Amino acid sequence: YMPHTFPHVPMFASPDFKGKSRAGI
């Protein structure tokens, strides 16, 4: 059972993904 933390705010992403999406954080 794998209930993820995101995309609940506050929104965080690792350096490999931060700033990569057209839709912001």
PDBML (XML) file of the C-alpha atoms, coordinates in Angstrom:
<?xml version="1.0" encoding="UTF-8" ?>
<PDBx:datablock datablockName="MODEL"
   xmlns:PDBx="http://pdbml.pdb.org/schema/pdbx-v50.xsd"
   xmlns:xsi="http://www.w3.org/2001/XMLSchema-instance"
   xsi:schemaLocation="http://pdbml.pdb.org/schema/pdbx-v50.xsd pdbx-v50.xsd">
   <PDBx:atom_siteCategory>
      <PDBx:atom_site id="1">
         <PDBx:B_iso_or_equiv>0.00</PDBx:B_iso_or_equiv>
         <PDBx:Cartn_x>0.000</PDBx:Cartn_x>
         <PDBx:Cartn_y>0.000</PDBx:Cartn_y>
         <PDBx:Cartn_z>0.000</PDBx:Cartn_z>
         <PDBx:auth_asym_id>A</PDBx:auth_asym_id>
         <PDBx:auth_atom_id>CA</PDBx:auth_atom_id>
         <PDBx:auth_comp_id>TYR</PDBx:auth_comp_id>
         <PDBx:auth_seq_id>1</PDBx:auth_seq_id>
         <PDBx:group_PDB>ATOM</PDBx:group_PDB>
         <PDBx:label_alt_id xsi:nil="true" />
         <PDBx:label_asym_id>A</PDBx:label_asym_id>
         <PDBx:label_atom_id>CA</PDBx:label_atom_id>
         <PDBx:label_comp_id>TYR</PDBx:label_comp_id>
         <PDBx:label_entity_id>1</PDBx:label_entity_id>
         <PDBx:label_seq_id>1</PDBx:label_seq_id>
         <PDBx:occupancy>1.00</PDBx:occupancy>
         <PDBx:pdbx_PDB_model_num>1</PDBx:pdbx_PDB_model_num>
         <PDBx:type_symbol>C</PDBx:type_symbol>
      </PDBx:atom_site>
      <PDBx:atom_site id="2">
         <PDBx:B_iso_or_equiv>0.00</PDBx:B_iso_or_equiv>
         <PDBx:Cartn_x>1.779</PDBx:Cartn_x>
         <PDBx:Cartn_y>3.105</PDBx:Cartn_y>
         <PDBx:Cartn_z>-1.297</PDBx:Cartn_z>
         <PDBx:auth_asym_id>A</PDBx:auth_asym_id>
         <PDBx:auth_atom_id>CA</PDBx:auth_atom_id>
         <PDBx:auth_comp_id>MET</PDBx:auth_comp_id>
         <PDBx:auth_seq_id>2</PDBx:auth_seq_id>
         <PDBx:group_PDB>ATOM</PDBx:group_PDB>
         <PDBx:label_alt_id xsi:nil="true" />
         <PDBx:label_asym_id>A</PDBx:label_asym_id>
         <PDBx:label_atom_id>CA</PDBx:label_atom_id>
         <PDBx:label_comp_id>MET</PDBx:label_comp_id>
         <PDBx:label_entity_id>1</PDBx:label_entity_id>
         <PDBx:label_seq_id>2</PDBx:label_seq_id>
         <PDBx:occupancy>1.00</PDBx:occupancy>
         <PDBx:pdbx_PDB_model_num>1</PDBx:pdbx_PDB_model_num>
         <PDBx:type_symbol>C</PDBx:type_symbol>
      </PDBx:atom_site>
      <PDBx:atom_site id="3">
         <PDBx:B_iso_or_equiv>0.00</PDBx:B_iso_or_equiv>
         <PDBx:Cartn_x>-0.116</PDBx:Cartn_x>
         <PDBx:Cartn_y>6.338</PDBx:Cartn_y>
         <PDBx:Cartn_z>-0.480</PDBx:Cartn_z>
         <PDBx:auth_asym_id>A</PDBx:auth_asym_id>
         <PDBx:auth_atom_id>CA</PDBx:auth_atom_id>
         <PDBx:auth_comp_id>PRO</PDBx:auth_comp_id>
         <PDBx:auth_seq_id>3</PDBx:auth_seq_id>
         <PDBx:group_PDB>ATOM</PDBx:group_PDB>
         <PDBx:label_alt_id xsi:nil="true" />
         <PDBx:label_asym_id>A</PDBx:label_asym_id>
         <PDBx:label_atom_id>CA</PDBx:label_atom_id>
         <PDBx:label_comp_id>PRO</PDBx:label_comp_id>
         <PDBx:label_entity_id>1</PDBx:label_entity_id>
         <PDBx:label_seq_id>3</PDBx:label_seq_id>
         <PDBx:occupancy>1.00</PDBx:occupancy>
         <PDBx:pdbx_PDB_model_num>1</PDBx:pdbx_PDB_model_num>
         <PDBx:type_symbol>C</PDBx:type_symbol>
      </PDBx:atom_site>
      <PDBx:atom_site id="4">
         <PDBx:B_iso_or_equiv>0.00</PDBx:B_iso_or_equiv>
         <PDBx:Cartn_x>2.114</PDBx:Cartn_x>
         <PDBx:Cartn_y>9.154</PDBx:Cartn_y>
         <PDBx:Cartn_z>-1.730</PDBx:Cartn_z>
         <PDBx:auth_asym_id>A</PDBx:auth_asym_id>
         <PDBx:auth_atom_id>CA</PDBx:auth_atom_id>
         <PDBx:auth_comp_id>HIS</PDBx:auth_comp_id>
         <PDBx:auth_seq_id>4</PDBx:auth_seq_id>
         <PDBx:group_PDB>ATOM</PDBx:group_PDB>
         <PDBx:label_alt_id xsi:nil="true" />
         <PDBx:label_asym_id>A</PDBx:label_asym_id>
         <PDBx:label_atom_id>CA</PDBx:label_atom_id>
         <PDBx:label_comp_id>HIS</PDBx:label_comp_id>
         <PDBx:label_entity_id>1</PDBx:label_entity_id>
         <PDBx:label_seq_id>4</PDBx:label_seq_id>
         <PDBx:occupancy>1.00</PDBx:occupancy>
         <PDBx:pdbx_PDB_model_num>1</PDBx:pdbx_PDB_model_num>
         <PDBx:type_symbol>C</PDBx:type_symbol>
      </PDBx:atom_site>
      <PDBx:atom_site id="5">
         <PDBx:B_iso_or_equiv>0.00</PDBx:B_iso_or_equiv>
         <PDBx:Cartn_x>2.519</PDBx:Cartn_x>
         <PDBx:Cartn_y>12.492</PDBx:Cartn_y>
         <PDBx:Cartn_z>0.018</PDBx:Cartn_z>
         <PDBx:auth_asym_id>A</PDBx:auth_asym_id>
         <PDBx:auth_atom_id>CA</PDBx:auth_atom_id>
         <PDBx:auth_comp_id>THR</PDBx:auth_comp_id>
         <PDBx:auth_seq_id>5</PDBx:auth_seq_id>
         <PDBx:group_PDB>ATOM</PDBx:group_PDB>
         <PDBx:label_alt_id xsi:nil="true" />
         <PDBx:label_asym_id>A</PDBx:label_asym_id>
         <PDBx:label_atom_id>CA</PDBx:label_atom_id>
         <PDBx:label_comp_id>THR</PDBx:label_comp_id>
         <PDBx:label_entity_id>1</PDBx:label_entity_id>
         <PDBx:label_seq_id>5</PDBx:label_seq_id>
         <PDBx:occupancy>1.00</PDBx:occupancy>
         <PDBx:pdbx_PDB_model_num>1</PDBx:pdbx_PDB_model_num>
         <PDBx:type_symbol>C</PDBx:type_symbol>
      </PDBx:atom_site>
      <PDBx:atom_site id="6">
         <PDBx:B_iso_or_equiv>0.00</PDBx:B_iso_or_equiv>
         <PDBx:Cartn_x>2.151</PDBx:Cartn_x>
         <PDBx:Cartn_y>14.520</PDBx:Cartn_y>
         <PDBx:Cartn_z>-3.184</PDBx:Cartn_z>
         <PDBx:auth_asym_id>A</PDBx:auth_asym_id>
         <PDBx:auth_atom_id>CA</PDBx:auth_atom_id>
         <PDBx:auth_comp_id>PHE</PDBx:auth_comp_id>
         <PDBx:auth_seq_id>6</PDBx:auth_seq_id>
         <PDBx:group_PDB>ATOM</PDBx:group_PDB>
         <PDBx:label_alt_id xsi:nil="true" />
         <PDBx:label_asym_id>A</PDBx:label_asym_id>
         <PDBx:label_atom_id>CA</PDBx:label_atom_id>
         <PDBx:label_comp_id>PHE</PDBx:label_comp_id>
         <PDBx:label_entity_id>1</PDBx:label_entity_id>
         <PDBx:label_seq_id>6</PDBx:label_seq_id>
         <PDBx:occupancy>1.00</PDBx:occupancy>
         <PDBx:pdbx_PDB_model_num>1</PDBx:pdbx_PDB_model_num>
         <PDBx:type_symbol>C</PDBx:type_symbol>
      </PDBx:atom_site>
      <PDBx:atom_site id="7">
         <PDBx:B_iso_or_equiv>0.00</PDBx:B_iso_or_equiv>
         <PDBx:Cartn_x>0.694</PDBx:Cartn_x>
         <PDBx:Cartn_y>16.428</PDBx:Cartn_y>
         <PDBx:Cartn_z>-4.935</PDBx:Cartn_z>
         <PDBx:auth_asym_id>A</PDBx:auth_asym_id>
         <PDBx:auth_atom_id>CA</PDBx:auth_atom_id>
         <PDBx:auth_comp_id>PRO</PDBx:auth_comp_id>
         <PDBx:auth_seq_id>7</PDBx:auth_seq_id>
         <PDBx:group_PDB>ATOM</PDBx:group_PDB>
         <PDBx:label_alt_id xsi:nil="true" />
         <PDBx:label_asym_id>A</PDBx:label_asym_id>
         <PDBx:label_atom_id>CA</PDBx:label_atom_id>
         <PDBx:label_comp_id>PRO</PDBx:label_comp_id>
         <PDBx:label_entity_id>1</PDBx:label_entity_id>
         <PDBx:label_seq_id>7</PDBx:label_seq_id>
         <PDBx:occupancy>1.00</PDBx:occupancy>
         <PDBx:pdbx_PDB_model_num>1</PDBx:pdbx_PDB_model_num>
         <PDBx:type_symbol>C</PDBx:type_symbol>
      </PDBx:atom_site>
      <PDBx:atom_site id="8">
         <PDBx:B_iso_or_equiv>0.00</PDBx:B_iso_or_equiv>
         <PDBx:Cartn_x>-0.628</PDBx:Cartn_x>
         <PDBx:Cartn_y>17.726</PDBx:Cartn_y>
         <PDBx:Cartn_z>-1.602</PDBx:Cartn_z>
         <PDBx:auth_asym_id>A</PDBx:auth_asym_id>
         <PDBx:auth_atom_id>CA</PDBx:auth_atom_id>
         <PDBx:auth_comp_id>HIS</PDBx:auth_comp_id>
         <PDBx:auth_seq_id>8</PDBx:auth_seq_id>
         <PDBx:group_PDB>ATOM</PDBx:group_PDB>
         <PDBx:label_alt_id xsi:nil="true" />
         <PDBx:label_asym_id>A</PDBx:label_asym_id>
         <PDBx:label_atom_id>CA</PDBx:label_atom_id>
         <PDBx:label_comp_id>HIS</PDBx:label_comp_id>
         <PDBx:label_entity_id>1</PDBx:label_entity_id>
         <PDBx:label_seq_id>8</PDBx:label_seq_id>
         <PDBx:occupancy>1.00</PDBx:occupancy>
         <PDBx:pdbx_PDB_model_num>1</PDBx:pdbx_PDB_model_num>
         <PDBx:type_symbol>C</PDBx:type_symbol>
      </PDBx:atom_site>
      <PDBx:atom_site id="9">
         <PDBx:B_iso_or_equiv>0.00</PDBx:B_iso_or_equiv>
         <PDBx:Cartn_x>0.679</PDBx:Cartn_x>
         <PDBx:Cartn_y>21.174</PDBx:Cartn_y>
         <PDBx:Cartn_z>-0.622</PDBx:Cartn_z>
         <PDBx:auth_asym_id>A</PDBx:auth_asym_id>
         <PDBx:auth_atom_id>CA</PDBx:auth_atom_id>
         <PDBx:auth_comp_id>VAL</PDBx:auth_comp_id>
         <PDBx:auth_seq_id>9</PDBx:auth_seq_id>
         <PDBx:group_PDB>ATOM</PDBx:group_PDB>
         <PDBx:label_alt_id xsi:nil="true" />
         <PDBx:label_asym_id>A</PDBx:label_asym_id>
         <PDBx:label_atom_id>CA</PDBx:label_atom_id>
         <PDBx:label_comp_id>VAL</PDBx:label_comp_id>
         <PDBx:label_entity_id>1</PDBx:label_entity_id>
         <PDBx:label_seq_id>9</PDBx:label_seq_id>
         <PDBx:occupancy>1.00</PDBx:occupancy>
         <PDBx:pdbx_PDB_model_num>1</PDBx:pdbx_PDB_model_num>
         <PDBx:type_symbol>C</PDBx:type_symbol>
      </PDBx:atom_site>
      <PDBx:atom_site id="10">
         <PDBx:B_iso_or_equiv>0.00</PDBx:B_iso_or_equiv>
         <PDBx:Cartn_x>3.274</PDBx:Cartn_x>
         <PDBx:Cartn_y>22.307</PDBx:Cartn_y>
         <PDBx:Cartn_z>0.319</PDBx:Cartn_z>
         <PDBx:auth_asym_id>A</PDBx:auth_asym_id>
         <PDBx:auth_atom_id>CA</PDBx:auth_atom_id>
         <PDBx:auth_comp_id>PRO</PDBx:auth_comp_id>
         <PDBx:auth_seq_id>10</PDBx:auth_seq_id>
         <PDBx:group_PDB>ATOM</PDBx:group_PDB>
         <PDBx:label_alt_id xsi:nil="true" />
         <PDBx:label_asym_id>A</PDBx:label_asym_id>
         <PDBx:label_atom_id>CA</PDBx:label_atom_id>
         <PDBx:label_comp_id>PRO</PDBx:label_comp_id>
         <PDBx:label_entity_id>1</PDBx:label_entity_id>
         <PDBx:label_seq_id>10</PDBx:label_seq_id>
         <PDBx:occupancy>1.00</PDBx:occupancy>
         <PDBx:pdbx_PDB_model_num>1</PDBx:pdbx_PDB_model_num>
         <PDBx:type_symbol>C</PDBx:type_symbol>
      </PDBx:atom_site>
      <PDBx:atom_site id="11">
         <PDBx:B_iso_or_equiv>0.00</PDBx:B_iso_or_equiv>
         <PDBx:Cartn_x>4.669</PDBx:Cartn_x>
         <PDBx:Cartn_y>21.130</PDBx:Cartn_y>
         <PDBx:Cartn_z>-3.003</PDBx:Cartn_z>
         <PDBx:auth_asym_id>A</PDBx:auth_asym_id>
         <PDBx:auth_atom_id>CA</PDBx:auth_atom_id>
         <PDBx:auth_comp_id>MET</PDBx:auth_comp_id>
         <PDBx:auth_seq_id>11</PDBx:auth_seq_id>
         <PDBx:group_PDB>ATOM</PDBx:group_PDB>
         <PDBx:label_alt_id xsi:nil="true" />
         <PDBx:label_asym_id>A</PDBx:label_asym_id>
         <PDBx:label_atom_id>CA</PDBx:label_atom_id>
         <PDBx:label_comp_id>MET</PDBx:label_comp_id>
         <PDBx:label_entity_id>1</PDBx:label_entity_id>
         <PDBx:label_seq_id>11</PDBx:label_seq_id>
         <PDBx:occupancy>1.00</PDBx:occupancy>
         <PDBx:pdbx_PDB_model_num>1</PDBx:pdbx_PDB_model_num>
         <PDBx:type_symbol>C</PDBx:type_symbol>
      </PDBx:atom_site>
      <PDBx:atom_site id="12">
         <PDBx:B_iso_or_equiv>0.00</PDBx:B_iso_or_equiv>
         <PDBx:Cartn_x>8.201</PDBx:Cartn_x>
         <PDBx:Cartn_y>19.783</PDBx:Cartn_y>
         <PDBx:Cartn_z>-3.245</PDBx:Cartn_z>
         <PDBx:auth_asym_id>A</PDBx:auth_asym_id>
         <PDBx:auth_atom_id>CA</PDBx:auth_atom_id>
         <PDBx:auth_comp_id>PHE</PDBx:auth_comp_id>
         <PDBx:auth_seq_id>12</PDBx:auth_seq_id>
         <PDBx:group_PDB>ATOM</PDBx:group_PDB>
         <PDBx:label_alt_id xsi:nil="true" />
         <PDBx:label_asym_id>A</PDBx:label_asym_id>
         <PDBx:label_atom_id>CA</PDBx:label_atom_id>
         <PDBx:label_comp_id>PHE</PDBx:label_comp_id>
         <PDBx:label_entity_id>1</PDBx:label_entity_id>
         <PDBx:label_seq_id>12</PDBx:label_seq_id>
         <PDBx:occupancy>1.00</PDBx:occupancy>
         <PDBx:pdbx_PDB_model_num>1</PDBx:pdbx_PDB_model_num>
         <PDBx:type_symbol>C</PDBx:type_symbol>
      </PDBx:atom_site>
      <PDBx:atom_site id="13">
         <PDBx:B_iso_or_equiv>0.00</PDBx:B_iso_or_equiv>
         <PDBx:Cartn_x>10.161</PDBx:Cartn_x>
         <PDBx:Cartn_y>17.839</PDBx:Cartn_y>
         <PDBx:Cartn_z>-5.843</PDBx:Cartn_z>
         <PDBx:auth_asym_id>A</PDBx:auth_asym_id>
         <PDBx:auth_atom_id>CA</PDBx:auth_atom_id>
         <PDBx:auth_comp_id>ALA</PDBx:auth_comp_id>
         <PDBx:auth_seq_id>13</PDBx:auth_seq_id>
         <PDBx:group_PDB>ATOM</PDBx:group_PDB>
         <PDBx:label_alt_id xsi:nil="true" />
         <PDBx:label_asym_id>A</PDBx:label_asym_id>
         <PDBx:label_atom_id>CA</PDBx:label_atom_id>
         <PDBx:label_comp_id>ALA</PDBx:label_comp_id>
         <PDBx:label_entity_id>1</PDBx:label_entity_id>
         <PDBx:label_seq_id>13</PDBx:label_seq_id>
         <PDBx:occupancy>1.00</PDBx:occupancy>
         <PDBx:pdbx_PDB_model_num>1</PDBx:pdbx_PDB_model_num>
         <PDBx:type_symbol>C</PDBx:type_symbol>
      </PDBx:atom_site>
      <PDBx:atom_site id="14">
         <PDBx:B_iso_or_equiv>0.00</PDBx:B_iso_or_equiv>
         <PDBx:Cartn_x>13.672</PDBx:Cartn_x>
         <PDBx:Cartn_y>16.451</PDBx:Cartn_y>
         <PDBx:Cartn_z>-5.948</PDBx:Cartn_z>
         <PDBx:auth_asym_id>A</PDBx:auth_asym_id>
         <PDBx:auth_atom_id>CA</PDBx:auth_atom_id>
         <PDBx:auth_comp_id>SER</PDBx:auth_comp_id>
         <PDBx:auth_seq_id>14</PDBx:auth_seq_id>
         <PDBx:group_PDB>ATOM</PDBx:group_PDB>
         <PDBx:label_alt_id xsi:nil="true" />
         <PDBx:label_asym_id>A</PDBx:label_asym_id>
         <PDBx:label_atom_id>CA</PDBx:label_atom_id>
         <PDBx:label_comp_id>SER</PDBx:label_comp_id>
         <PDBx:label_entity_id>1</PDBx:label_entity_id>
         <PDBx:label_seq_id>14</PDBx:label_seq_id>
         <PDBx:occupancy>1.00</PDBx:occupancy>
         <PDBx:pdbx_PDB_model_num>1</PDBx:pdbx_PDB_model_num>
         <PDBx:type_symbol>C</PDBx:type_symbol>
      </PDBx:atom_site>
      <PDBx:atom_site id="15">
         <PDBx:B_iso_or_equiv>0.00</PDBx:B_iso_or_equiv>
         <PDBx:Cartn_x>16.411</PDBx:Cartn_x>
         <PDBx:Cartn_y>18.288</PDBx:Cartn_y>
         <PDBx:Cartn_z>-7.906</PDBx:Cartn_z>
         <PDBx:auth_asym_id>A</PDBx:auth_asym_id>
         <PDBx:auth_atom_id>CA</PDBx:auth_atom_id>
         <PDBx:auth_comp_id>PRO</PDBx:auth_comp_id>
         <PDBx:auth_seq_id>15</PDBx:auth_seq_id>
         <PDBx:group_PDB>ATOM</PDBx:group_PDB>
         <PDBx:label_alt_id xsi:nil="true" />
         <PDBx:label_asym_id>A</PDBx:label_asym_id>
         <PDBx:label_atom_id>CA</PDBx:label_atom_id>
         <PDBx:label_comp_id>PRO</PDBx:label_comp_id>
         <PDBx:label_entity_id>1</PDBx:label_entity_id>
         <PDBx:label_seq_id>15</PDBx:label_seq_id>
         <PDBx:occupancy>1.00</PDBx:occupancy>
         <PDBx:pdbx_PDB_model_num>1</PDBx:pdbx_PDB_model_num>
         <PDBx:type_symbol>C</PDBx:type_symbol>
      </PDBx:atom_site>
      <PDBx:atom_site id="16">
         <PDBx:B_iso_or_equiv>0.00</PDBx:B_iso_or_equiv>
         <PDBx:Cartn_x>15.986</PDBx:Cartn_x>
         <PDBx:Cartn_y>15.820</PDBx:Cartn_y>
         <PDBx:Cartn_z>-10.797</PDBx:Cartn_z>
         <PDBx:auth_asym_id>A</PDBx:auth_asym_id>
         <PDBx:auth_atom_id>CA</PDBx:auth_atom_id>
         <PDBx:auth_comp_id>ASP</PDBx:auth_comp_id>
         <PDBx:auth_seq_id>16</PDBx:auth_seq_id>
         <PDBx:group_PDB>ATOM</PDBx:group_PDB>
         <PDBx:label_alt_id xsi:nil="true" />
         <PDBx:label_asym_id>A</PDBx:label_asym_id>
         <PDBx:label_atom_id>CA</PDBx:label_atom_id>
         <PDBx:label_comp_id>ASP</PDBx:label_comp_id>
         <PDBx:label_entity_id>1</PDBx:label_entity_id>
         <PDBx:label_seq_id>16</PDBx:label_seq_id>
         <PDBx:occupancy>1.00</PDBx:occupancy>
         <PDBx:pdbx_PDB_model_num>1</PDBx:pdbx_PDB_model_num>
         <PDBx:type_symbol>C</PDBx:type_symbol>
      </PDBx:atom_site>
      <PDBx:atom_site id="17">
         <PDBx:B_iso_or_equiv>0.00</PDBx:B_iso_or_equiv>
         <PDBx:Cartn_x>12.420</PDBx:Cartn_x>
         <PDBx:Cartn_y>17.045</PDBx:Cartn_y>
         <PDBx:Cartn_z>-11.339</PDBx:Cartn_z>
         <PDBx:auth_asym_id>A</PDBx:auth_asym_id>
         <PDBx:auth_atom_id>CA</PDBx:auth_atom_id>
         <PDBx:auth_comp_id>PHE</PDBx:auth_comp_id>
         <PDBx:auth_seq_id>17</PDBx:auth_seq_id>
         <PDBx:group_PDB>ATOM</PDBx:group_PDB>
         <PDBx:label_alt_id xsi:nil="true" />
         <PDBx:label_asym_id>A</PDBx:label_asym_id>
         <PDBx:label_atom_id>CA</PDBx:label_atom_id>
         <PDBx:label_comp_id>PHE</PDBx:label_comp_id>
         <PDBx:label_entity_id>1</PDBx:label_entity_id>
         <PDBx:label_seq_id>17</PDBx:label_seq_id>
         <PDBx:occupancy>1.00</PDBx:occupancy>
         <PDBx:pdbx_PDB_model_num>1</PDBx:pdbx_PDB_model_num>
         <PDBx:type_symbol>C</PDBx:type_symbol>
      </PDBx:atom_site>
      <PDBx:atom_site id="18">
         <PDBx:B_iso_or_equiv>0.00</PDBx:B_iso_or_equiv>
         <PDBx:Cartn_x>12.163</PDBx:Cartn_x>
         <PDBx:Cartn_y>20.563</PDBx:Cartn_y>
         <PDBx:Cartn_z>-9.921</PDBx:Cartn_z>
         <PDBx:auth_asym_id>A</PDBx:auth_asym_id>
         <PDBx:auth_atom_id>CA</PDBx:auth_atom_id>
         <PDBx:auth_comp_id>LYS</PDBx:auth_comp_id>
         <PDBx:auth_seq_id>18</PDBx:auth_seq_id>
         <PDBx:group_PDB>ATOM</PDBx:group_PDB>
         <PDBx:label_alt_id xsi:nil="true" />
         <PDBx:label_asym_id>A</PDBx:label_asym_id>
         <PDBx:label_atom_id>CA</PDBx:label_atom_id>
         <PDBx:label_comp_id>LYS</PDBx:label_comp_id>
         <PDBx:label_entity_id>1</PDBx:label_entity_id>
         <PDBx:label_seq_id>18</PDBx:label_seq_id>
         <PDBx:occupancy>1.00</PDBx:occupancy>
         <PDBx:pdbx_PDB_model_num>1</PDBx:pdbx_PDB_model_num>
         <PDBx:type_symbol>C</PDBx:type_symbol>
      </PDBx:atom_site>
      <PDBx:atom_site id="19">
         <PDBx:B_iso_or_equiv>0.00</PDBx:B_iso_or_equiv>
         <PDBx:Cartn_x>11.728</PDBx:Cartn_x>
         <PDBx:Cartn_y>23.175</PDBx:Cartn_y>
         <PDBx:Cartn_z>-12.620</PDBx:Cartn_z>
         <PDBx:auth_asym_id>A</PDBx:auth_asym_id>
         <PDBx:auth_atom_id>CA</PDBx:auth_atom_id>
         <PDBx:auth_comp_id>GLY</PDBx:auth_comp_id>
         <PDBx:auth_seq_id>19</PDBx:auth_seq_id>
         <PDBx:group_PDB>ATOM</PDBx:group_PDB>
         <PDBx:label_alt_id xsi:nil="true" />
         <PDBx:label_asym_id>A</PDBx:label_asym_id>
         <PDBx:label_atom_id>CA</PDBx:label_atom_id>
         <PDBx:label_comp_id>GLY</PDBx:label_comp_id>
         <PDBx:label_entity_id>1</PDBx:label_entity_id>
         <PDBx:label_seq_id>19</PDBx:label_seq_id>
         <PDBx:occupancy>1.00</PDBx:occupancy>
         <PDBx:pdbx_PDB_model_num>1</PDBx:pdbx_PDB_model_num>
         <PDBx:type_symbol>C</PDBx:type_symbol>
      </PDBx:atom_site>
      <PDBx:atom_site id="20">
         <PDBx:B_iso_or_equiv>0.00</PDBx:B_iso_or_equiv>
         <PDBx:Cartn_x>11.224</PDBx:Cartn_x>
         <PDBx:Cartn_y>20.639</PDBx:Cartn_y>
         <PDBx:Cartn_z>-15.401</PDBx:Cartn_z>
         <PDBx:auth_asym_id>A</PDBx:auth_asym_id>
         <PDBx:auth_atom_id>CA</PDBx:auth_atom_id>
         <PDBx:auth_comp_id>LYS</PDBx:auth_comp_id>
         <PDBx:auth_seq_id>20</PDBx:auth_seq_id>
         <PDBx:group_PDB>ATOM</PDBx:group_PDB>
         <PDBx:label_alt_id xsi:nil="true" />
         <PDBx:label_asym_id>A</PDBx:label_asym_id>
         <PDBx:label_atom_id>CA</PDBx:label_atom_id>
         <PDBx:label_comp_id>LYS</PDBx:label_comp_id>
         <PDBx:label_entity_id>1</PDBx:label_entity_id>
         <PDBx:label_seq_id>20</PDBx:label_seq_id>
         <PDBx:occupancy>1.00</PDBx:occupancy>
         <PDBx:pdbx_PDB_model_num>1</PDBx:pdbx_PDB_model_num>
         <PDBx:type_symbol>C</PDBx:type_symbol>
      </PDBx:atom_site>
      <PDBx:atom_site id="21">
         <PDBx:B_iso_or_equiv>0.00</PDBx:B_iso_or_equiv>
         <PDBx:Cartn_x>7.446</PDBx:Cartn_x>
         <PDBx:Cartn_y>20.718</PDBx:Cartn_y>
         <PDBx:Cartn_z>-15.925</PDBx:Cartn_z>
         <PDBx:auth_asym_id>A</PDBx:auth_asym_id>
         <PDBx:auth_atom_id>CA</PDBx:auth_atom_id>
         <PDBx:auth_comp_id>SER</PDBx:auth_comp_id>
         <PDBx:auth_seq_id>21</PDBx:auth_seq_id>
         <PDBx:group_PDB>ATOM</PDBx:group_PDB>
         <PDBx:label_alt_id xsi:nil="true" />
         <PDBx:label_asym_id>A</PDBx:label_asym_id>
         <PDBx:label_atom_id>CA</PDBx:label_atom_id>
         <PDBx:label_comp_id>SER</PDBx:label_comp_id>
         <PDBx:label_entity_id>1</PDBx:label_entity_id>
         <PDBx:label_seq_id>21</PDBx:label_seq_id>
         <PDBx:occupancy>1.00</PDBx:occupancy>
         <PDBx:pdbx_PDB_model_num>1</PDBx:pdbx_PDB_model_num>
         <PDBx:type_symbol>C</PDBx:type_symbol>
      </PDBx:atom_site>
      <PDBx:atom_site id="22">
         <PDBx:B_iso_or_equiv>0.00</PDBx:B_iso_or_equiv>
         <PDBx:Cartn_x>5.398</PDBx:Cartn_x>
         <PDBx:Cartn_y>23.213</PDBx:Cartn_y>
         <PDBx:Cartn_z>-17.943</PDBx:Cartn_z>
         <PDBx:auth_asym_id>A</PDBx:auth_asym_id>
         <PDBx:auth_atom_id>CA</PDBx:auth_atom_id>
         <PDBx:auth_comp_id>ARG</PDBx:auth_comp_id>
         <PDBx:auth_seq_id>22</PDBx:auth_seq_id>
         <PDBx:group_PDB>ATOM</PDBx:group_PDB>
         <PDBx:label_alt_id xsi:nil="true" />
         <PDBx:label_asym_id>A</PDBx:label_asym_id>
         <PDBx:label_atom_id>CA</PDBx:label_atom_id>
         <PDBx:label_comp_id>ARG</PDBx:label_comp_id>
         <PDBx:label_entity_id>1</PDBx:label_entity_id>
         <PDBx:label_seq_id>22</PDBx:label_seq_id>
         <PDBx:occupancy>1.00</PDBx:occupancy>
         <PDBx:pdbx_PDB_model_num>1</PDBx:pdbx_PDB_model_num>
         <PDBx:type_symbol>C</PDBx:type_symbol>
      </PDBx:atom_site>
      <PDBx:atom_site id="23">
         <PDBx:B_iso_or_equiv>0.00</PDBx:B_iso_or_equiv>
         <PDBx:Cartn_x>2.943</PDBx:Cartn_x>
         <PDBx:Cartn_y>23.199</PDBx:Cartn_y>
         <PDBx:Cartn_z>-15.029</PDBx:Cartn_z>
         <PDBx:auth_asym_id>A</PDBx:auth_asym_id>
         <PDBx:auth_atom_id>CA</PDBx:auth_atom_id>
         <PDBx:auth_comp_id>ALA</PDBx:auth_comp_id>
         <PDBx:auth_seq_id>23</PDBx:auth_seq_id>
         <PDBx:group_PDB>ATOM</PDBx:group_PDB>
         <PDBx:label_alt_id xsi:nil="true" />
         <PDBx:label_asym_id>A</PDBx:label_asym_id>
         <PDBx:label_atom_id>CA</PDBx:label_atom_id>
         <PDBx:label_comp_id>ALA</PDBx:label_comp_id>
         <PDBx:label_entity_id>1</PDBx:label_entity_id>
         <PDBx:label_seq_id>23</PDBx:label_seq_id>
         <PDBx:occupancy>1.00</PDBx:occupancy>
         <PDBx:pdbx_PDB_model_num>1</PDBx:pdbx_PDB_model_num>
         <PDBx:type_symbol>C</PDBx:type_symbol>
      </PDBx:atom_site>
      <PDBx:atom_site id="24">
         <PDBx:B_iso_or_equiv>0.00</PDBx:B_iso_or_equiv>
         <PDBx:Cartn_x>5.340</PDBx:Cartn_x>
         <PDBx:Cartn_y>24.590</PDBx:Cartn_y>
         <PDBx:Cartn_z>-12.419</PDBx:Cartn_z>
         <PDBx:auth_asym_id>A</PDBx:auth_asym_id>
         <PDBx:auth_atom_id>CA</PDBx:auth_atom_id>
         <PDBx:auth_comp_id>GLY</PDBx:auth_comp_id>
         <PDBx:auth_seq_id>24</PDBx:auth_seq_id>
         <PDBx:group_PDB>ATOM</PDBx:group_PDB>
         <PDBx:label_alt_id xsi:nil="true" />
         <PDBx:label_asym_id>A</PDBx:label_asym_id>
         <PDBx:label_atom_id>CA</PDBx:label_atom_id>
         <PDBx:label_comp_id>GLY</PDBx:label_comp_id>
         <PDBx:label_entity_id>1</PDBx:label_entity_id>
         <PDBx:label_seq_id>24</PDBx:label_seq_id>
         <PDBx:occupancy>1.00</PDBx:occupancy>
         <PDBx:pdbx_PDB_model_num>1</PDBx:pdbx_PDB_model_num>
         <PDBx:type_symbol>C</PDBx:type_symbol>
      </PDBx:atom_site>
      <PDBx:atom_site id="25">
         <PDBx:B_iso_or_equiv>0.00</PDBx:B_iso_or_equiv>
         <PDBx:Cartn_x>6.109</PDBx:Cartn_x>
         <PDBx:Cartn_y>22.900</PDBx:Cartn_y>
         <PDBx:Cartn_z>-9.114</PDBx:Cartn_z>
         <PDBx:auth_asym_id>A</PDBx:auth_asym_id>
         <PDBx:auth_atom_id>CA</PDBx:auth_atom_id>
         <PDBx:auth_comp_id>ILE</PDBx:auth_comp_id>
         <PDBx:auth_seq_id>25</PDBx:auth_seq_id>
         <PDBx:group_PDB>ATOM</PDBx:group_PDB>
         <PDBx:label_alt_id xsi:nil="true" />
         <PDBx:label_asym_id>A</PDBx:label_asym_id>
         <PDBx:label_atom_id>CA</PDBx:label_atom_id>
         <PDBx:label_comp_id>ILE</PDBx:label_comp_id>
         <PDBx:label_entity_id>1</PDBx:label_entity_id>
         <PDBx:label_seq_id>25</PDBx:label_seq_id>
         <PDBx:occupancy>1.00</PDBx:occupancy>
         <PDBx:pdbx_PDB_model_num>1</PDBx:pdbx_PDB_model_num>
         <PDBx:type_symbol>C</PDBx:type_symbol>
      </PDBx:atom_site>
   </PDBx:atom_siteCategory>
</PDBx:datablock>
